[in-house]
Amino acid sequence: MSATDTALPSTPQAAISMFPQRPEDRLRLALRRLDEAIGEQSQATAGLRSAIGDLSRTMAKLGQSVNGYRNALDTTAIEIEKALASARRLQATADRMVV
């Protein structure tokens, strides 16, 4: 056994991926990897668009809920003003009845 034999891994040669030596092979590999990256980016962009759509719908529902809450508060404020006016009238009537 020589020194070079012990330095080689025990994995079969078929499992080792070699970088292409010819320029046209390297270009093909680079283009294939670029195509894969563009495909992954397209999927990520579609996912982002979907998430933005979900967020937009959620924000619209939140806006509707806030508007409903605001309207309920406005109605409650009007009812409180009416109740206060009635209480003041009742107090004035009670004050007149006390001699």
N, C-alpha and C. Protein backbone atom coordinates (compact mmCIF):
# COMPACT_ATOMS: atom_id res chain seq x y z
N MET A 1 0.83 -1.17 0.00
CA MET A 1 0.00 0.00 0.00
C MET A 1 0.88 1.25 0.00
N SER A 2 0.60 2.18 -0.89
CA SER A 2 1.41 3.40 -0.95
C SER A 2 0.77 4.49 -0.11
N ALA A 3 1.44 5.61 0.06
CA ALA A 3 0.93 6.74 0.85
C ALA A 3 -0.29 7.36 0.20
N THR A 4 -0.35 7.32 -1.12
CA THR A 4 -1.51 7.90 -1.80
C THR A 4 -2.74 7.02 -1.62
N ASP A 5 -2.57 5.73 -1.46
CA ASP A 5 -3.70 4.83 -1.25
C ASP A 5 -4.37 5.09 0.10
N THR A 6 -3.60 5.40 1.11
CA THR A 6 -4.17 5.65 2.44
C THR A 6 -4.82 7.02 2.52
N ALA A 7 -4.46 7.95 1.68
CA ALA A 7 -5.02 9.30 1.71
C ALA A 7 -6.38 9.36 1.02
N LEU A 8 -6.70 8.40 0.16
CA LEU A 8 -7.97 8.41 -0.56
C LEU A 8 -9.08 7.89 0.34
N PRO A 9 -10.26 8.46 0.24
CA PRO A 9 -11.38 7.96 1.05
C PRO A 9 -11.82 6.59 0.57
N SER A 10 -12.45 5.84 1.44
CA SER A 10 -12.89 4.49 1.09
C SER A 10 -14.19 4.51 0.30
N THR A 11 -14.76 5.69 0.01
CA THR A 11 -15.99 5.82 -0.76
C THR A 11 -15.71 5.51 -2.22
N PRO A 12 -16.61 4.79 -2.89
CA PRO A 12 -16.40 4.51 -4.32
C PRO A 12 -16.32 5.79 -5.13
N GLN A 13 -15.60 5.75 -6.22
CA GLN A 13 -15.39 6.92 -7.08
C GLN A 13 -16.70 7.48 -7.61
N ALA A 14 -17.73 6.65 -7.84
CA ALA A 14 -19.00 7.11 -8.41
C ALA A 14 -19.73 8.06 -7.47
N ALA A 15 -19.47 8.01 -6.17
CA ALA A 15 -20.17 8.86 -5.21
C ALA A 15 -19.57 10.25 -5.14
N ILE A 16 -18.39 10.44 -5.67
CA ILE A 16 -17.72 11.74 -5.60
C ILE A 16 -18.13 12.56 -6.81
N SER A 17 -18.60 13.77 -6.57
CA SER A 17 -19.01 14.65 -7.66
C SER A 17 -17.83 15.54 -8.02
N MET A 18 -17.42 15.45 -9.25
CA MET A 18 -16.29 16.24 -9.71
C MET A 18 -16.79 17.52 -10.37
N PHE A 19 -16.04 18.59 -10.17
CA PHE A 19 -16.36 19.85 -10.83
C PHE A 19 -15.96 19.72 -12.30
N PRO A 20 -16.84 20.12 -13.21
CA PRO A 20 -16.51 19.98 -14.64
C PRO A 20 -15.23 20.72 -15.01
N GLN A 21 -14.46 20.10 -15.86
CA GLN A 21 -13.18 20.70 -16.28
C GLN A 21 -13.33 21.58 -17.52
N ARG A 22 -14.19 21.18 -18.42
CA ARG A 22 -14.34 21.94 -19.67
C ARG A 22 -15.20 23.18 -19.42
N PRO A 23 -14.85 24.31 -20.03
CA PRO A 23 -15.62 25.54 -19.82
C PRO A 23 -17.10 25.40 -20.17
N GLU A 24 -17.41 24.69 -21.26
CA GLU A 24 -18.82 24.55 -21.64
C GLU A 24 -19.60 23.71 -20.63
N ASP A 25 -18.92 22.75 -20.00
CA ASP A 25 -19.57 21.96 -18.96
C ASP A 25 -19.82 22.80 -17.70
N ARG A 26 -18.82 23.62 -17.38
CA ARG A 26 -18.98 24.51 -16.22
C ARG A 26 -20.11 25.49 -16.46
N LEU A 27 -20.20 26.01 -17.69
CA LEU A 27 -21.27 26.94 -18.04
C LEU A 27 -22.63 26.25 -17.93
N ARG A 28 -22.73 25.02 -18.44
CA ARG A 28 -24.00 24.28 -18.33
C ARG A 28 -24.39 24.09 -16.86
N LEU A 29 -23.41 23.72 -16.04
CA LEU A 29 -23.67 23.52 -14.61
C LEU A 29 -24.12 24.82 -13.95
N ALA A 30 -23.43 25.90 -14.28
CA ALA A 30 -23.79 27.20 -13.71
C ALA A 30 -25.20 27.62 -14.14
N LEU A 31 -25.52 27.40 -15.40
CA LEU A 31 -26.85 27.75 -15.90
C LEU A 31 -27.94 26.88 -15.25
N ARG A 32 -27.64 25.60 -15.05
CA ARG A 32 -28.59 24.71 -14.40
C ARG A 32 -28.84 25.17 -12.95
N ARG A 33 -27.77 25.51 -12.26
CA ARG A 33 -27.90 25.99 -10.88
C ARG A 33 -28.62 27.33 -10.82
N LEU A 34 -28.35 28.19 -11.79
CA LEU A 34 -29.06 29.47 -11.87
C LEU A 34 -30.54 29.25 -12.11
N ASP A 35 -30.87 28.33 -12.99
CA ASP A 35 -32.27 28.01 -13.26
C ASP A 35 -32.96 27.48 -12.00
N GLU A 36 -32.26 26.62 -11.26
CA GLU A 36 -32.82 26.11 -10.00
C GLU A 36 -33.05 27.23 -9.01
N ALA A 37 -32.07 28.13 -8.92
CA ALA A 37 -32.19 29.26 -7.99
C ALA A 37 -33.36 30.17 -8.38
N ILE A 38 -33.53 30.41 -9.66
CA ILE A 38 -34.64 31.24 -10.13
C ILE A 38 -35.97 30.56 -9.81
N GLY A 39 -36.03 29.24 -9.98
CA GLY A 39 -37.25 28.50 -9.63
C GLY A 39 -37.57 28.63 -8.15
N GLU A 40 -36.53 28.49 -7.31
CA GLU A 40 -36.74 28.64 -5.86
C GLU A 40 -37.17 30.06 -5.51
N GLN A 41 -36.58 31.03 -6.19
CA GLN A 41 -36.94 32.42 -5.94
C GLN A 41 -38.40 32.67 -6.37
N SER A 42 -38.82 32.08 -7.46
CA SER A 42 -40.20 32.22 -7.92
C SER A 42 -41.17 31.65 -6.88
N GLN A 43 -40.82 30.49 -6.33
CA GLN A 43 -41.67 29.89 -5.29
C GLN A 43 -41.71 30.78 -4.06
N ALA A 44 -40.57 31.32 -3.67
CA ALA A 44 -40.52 32.20 -2.50
C ALA A 44 -41.34 33.47 -2.75
N THR A 45 -41.25 34.01 -3.96
CA THR A 45 -42.01 35.21 -4.30
C THR A 45 -43.51 34.92 -4.26
N ALA A 46 -43.91 33.76 -4.77
CA ALA A 46 -45.33 33.39 -4.73
C ALA A 46 -45.79 33.24 -3.28
N GLY A 47 -44.96 32.65 -2.43
CA GLY A 47 -45.30 32.53 -1.01
C GLY A 47 -45.42 33.89 -0.35
N LEU A 48 -44.51 34.81 -0.69
CA LEU A 48 -44.57 36.15 -0.13
C LEU A 48 -45.84 36.87 -0.57
N ARG A 49 -46.17 36.75 -1.84
CA ARG A 49 -47.40 37.38 -2.35
C ARG A 49 -48.63 36.83 -1.63
N SER A 50 -48.65 35.53 -1.42
CA SER A 50 -49.76 34.91 -0.70
C SER A 50 -49.85 35.43 0.73
N ALA A 51 -48.70 35.53 1.38
CA ALA A 51 -48.67 36.04 2.76
C ALA A 51 -49.12 37.50 2.82
N ILE A 52 -48.73 38.28 1.84
CA ILE A 52 -49.15 39.69 1.79
C ILE A 52 -50.66 39.77 1.57
N GLY A 53 -51.20 38.89 0.73
CA GLY A 53 -52.65 38.85 0.52
C GLY A 53 -53.38 38.49 1.80
N ASP A 54 -52.86 37.49 2.52
CA ASP A 54 -53.46 37.11 3.80
C ASP A 54 -53.43 38.27 4.79
N LEU A 55 -52.29 38.95 4.85
CA LEU A 55 -52.15 40.09 5.74
C LEU A 55 -53.13 41.20 5.37
N SER A 56 -53.28 41.45 4.07
CA SER A 56 -54.20 42.48 3.61
C SER A 56 -55.63 42.16 4.01
N ARG A 57 -56.04 40.90 3.83
CA ARG A 57 -57.39 40.50 4.22
C ARG A 57 -57.58 40.61 5.73
N THR A 58 -56.58 40.21 6.49
CA THR A 58 -56.66 40.30 7.95
C THR A 58 -56.76 41.75 8.40
N MET A 59 -55.98 42.63 7.77
CA MET A 59 -56.02 44.05 8.13
C MET A 59 -57.39 44.65 7.77
N ALA A 60 -57.97 44.24 6.66
CA ALA A 60 -59.30 44.73 6.29
C ALA A 60 -60.33 44.32 7.32
N LYS A 61 -60.26 43.05 7.77
CA LYS A 61 -61.19 42.58 8.81
C LYS A 61 -60.97 43.34 10.10
N LEU A 62 -59.72 43.60 10.44
CA LEU A 62 -59.41 44.37 11.64
C LEU A 62 -59.98 45.78 11.53
N GLY A 63 -59.85 46.39 10.37
CA GLY A 63 -60.40 47.74 10.16
C GLY A 63 -61.91 47.74 10.33
N GLN A 64 -62.58 46.71 9.82
CA GLN A 64 -64.03 46.62 9.98
C GLN A 64 -64.40 46.45 11.46
N SER A 65 -63.63 45.64 12.17
CA SER A 65 -63.89 45.44 13.60
C SER A 65 -63.70 46.73 14.38
N VAL A 66 -62.64 47.46 14.06
CA VAL A 66 -62.38 48.73 14.75
C VAL A 66 -63.50 49.72 14.46
N ASN A 67 -63.96 49.78 13.22
CA ASN A 67 -65.07 50.68 12.88
C ASN A 67 -66.34 50.29 13.63
N GLY A 68 -66.61 48.99 13.71
CA GLY A 68 -67.77 48.53 14.47
C GLY A 68 -67.66 48.89 15.94
N TYR A 69 -66.46 48.72 16.51
CA TYR A 69 -66.22 49.07 17.91
C TYR A 69 -66.41 50.57 18.12
N ARG A 70 -65.88 51.38 17.19
CA ARG A 70 -66.01 52.83 17.28
C ARG A 70 -67.49 53.24 17.24
N ASN A 71 -68.26 52.62 16.33
CA ASN A 71 -69.69 52.92 16.24
C ASN A 71 -70.41 52.54 17.53
N ALA A 72 -70.05 51.38 18.10
CA ALA A 72 -70.66 50.96 19.36
C ALA A 72 -70.32 51.95 20.47
N LEU A 73 -69.08 52.44 20.50
CA LEU A 73 -68.70 53.43 21.51
C LEU A 73 -69.46 54.74 21.31
N ASP A 74 -69.63 55.16 20.06
CA ASP A 74 -70.39 56.38 19.79
C ASP A 74 -71.83 56.24 20.26
N THR A 75 -72.45 55.09 19.97
CA THR A 75 -73.82 54.84 20.40
C THR A 75 -73.92 54.84 21.93
N THR A 76 -72.94 54.21 22.56
CA THR A 76 -72.92 54.18 24.03
C THR A 76 -72.77 55.57 24.60
N ALA A 77 -71.91 56.39 23.99
CA ALA A 77 -71.71 57.76 24.47
C ALA A 77 -73.01 58.57 24.36
N ILE A 78 -73.75 58.38 23.28
CA ILE A 78 -75.03 59.08 23.11
C ILE A 78 -76.02 58.64 24.18
N GLU A 79 -76.09 57.32 24.45
CA GLU A 79 -76.99 56.81 25.48
C GLU A 79 -76.61 57.31 26.87
N ILE A 80 -75.31 57.43 27.11
CA ILE A 80 -74.85 57.96 28.41
C ILE A 80 -75.27 59.42 28.56
N GLU A 81 -75.11 60.21 27.50
CA GLU A 81 -75.53 61.62 27.54
C GLU A 81 -77.02 61.74 27.82
N LYS A 82 -77.82 60.88 27.17
CA LYS A 82 -79.27 60.89 27.41
C LYS A 82 -79.58 60.52 28.86
N ALA A 83 -78.88 59.50 29.38
CA ALA A 83 -79.10 59.08 30.77
C ALA A 83 -78.69 60.19 31.73
N LEU A 84 -77.60 60.87 31.46
CA LEU A 84 -77.17 61.99 32.32
C LEU A 84 -78.18 63.13 32.29
N ALA A 85 -78.70 63.44 31.11
CA ALA A 85 -79.70 64.50 31.00
C ALA A 85 -80.95 64.12 31.78
N SER A 86 -81.37 62.86 31.68
CA SER A 86 -82.54 62.40 32.45
C SER A 86 -82.26 62.46 33.94
N ALA A 87 -81.06 62.08 34.35
CA ALA A 87 -80.71 62.12 35.78
C ALA A 87 -80.69 63.56 36.28
N ARG A 88 -80.23 64.50 35.49
CA ARG A 88 -80.21 65.91 35.89
C ARG A 88 -81.64 66.45 36.02
N ARG A 89 -82.51 66.07 35.06
CA ARG A 89 -83.91 66.50 35.16
C ARG A 89 -84.57 65.92 36.41
N LEU A 90 -84.30 64.65 36.66
CA LEU A 90 -84.86 64.01 37.85
C LEU A 90 -84.34 64.67 39.11
N GLN A 91 -83.04 65.00 39.13
CA GLN A 91 -82.47 65.68 40.31
C GLN A 91 -83.09 67.05 40.49
N ALA A 92 -83.30 67.78 39.40
CA ALA A 92 -83.93 69.11 39.50
C ALA A 92 -85.36 68.97 40.02
N THR A 93 -86.08 67.97 39.56
CA THR A 93 -87.43 67.75 40.05
C THR A 93 -87.41 67.41 41.53
N ALA A 94 -86.47 66.55 41.92
CA ALA A 94 -86.37 66.18 43.36
C ALA A 94 -86.02 67.41 44.18
N ASP A 95 -85.11 68.26 43.68
CA ASP A 95 -84.73 69.46 44.42
C ASP A 95 -85.92 70.40 44.60
N ARG A 96 -86.81 70.50 43.63
CA ARG A 96 -87.98 71.37 43.74
C ARG A 96 -89.00 70.79 44.71
N MET A 97 -89.03 69.48 44.82
CA MET A 97 -90.03 68.84 45.69
C MET A 97 -89.63 68.95 47.15
N VAL A 98 -88.36 69.09 47.43
CA VAL A 98 -87.90 69.21 48.81
C VAL A 98 -88.13 70.64 49.27
N VAL A 99 -88.80 70.74 50.36
CA VAL A 99 -89.11 72.07 50.90
C VAL A 99 -88.32 72.33 52.14
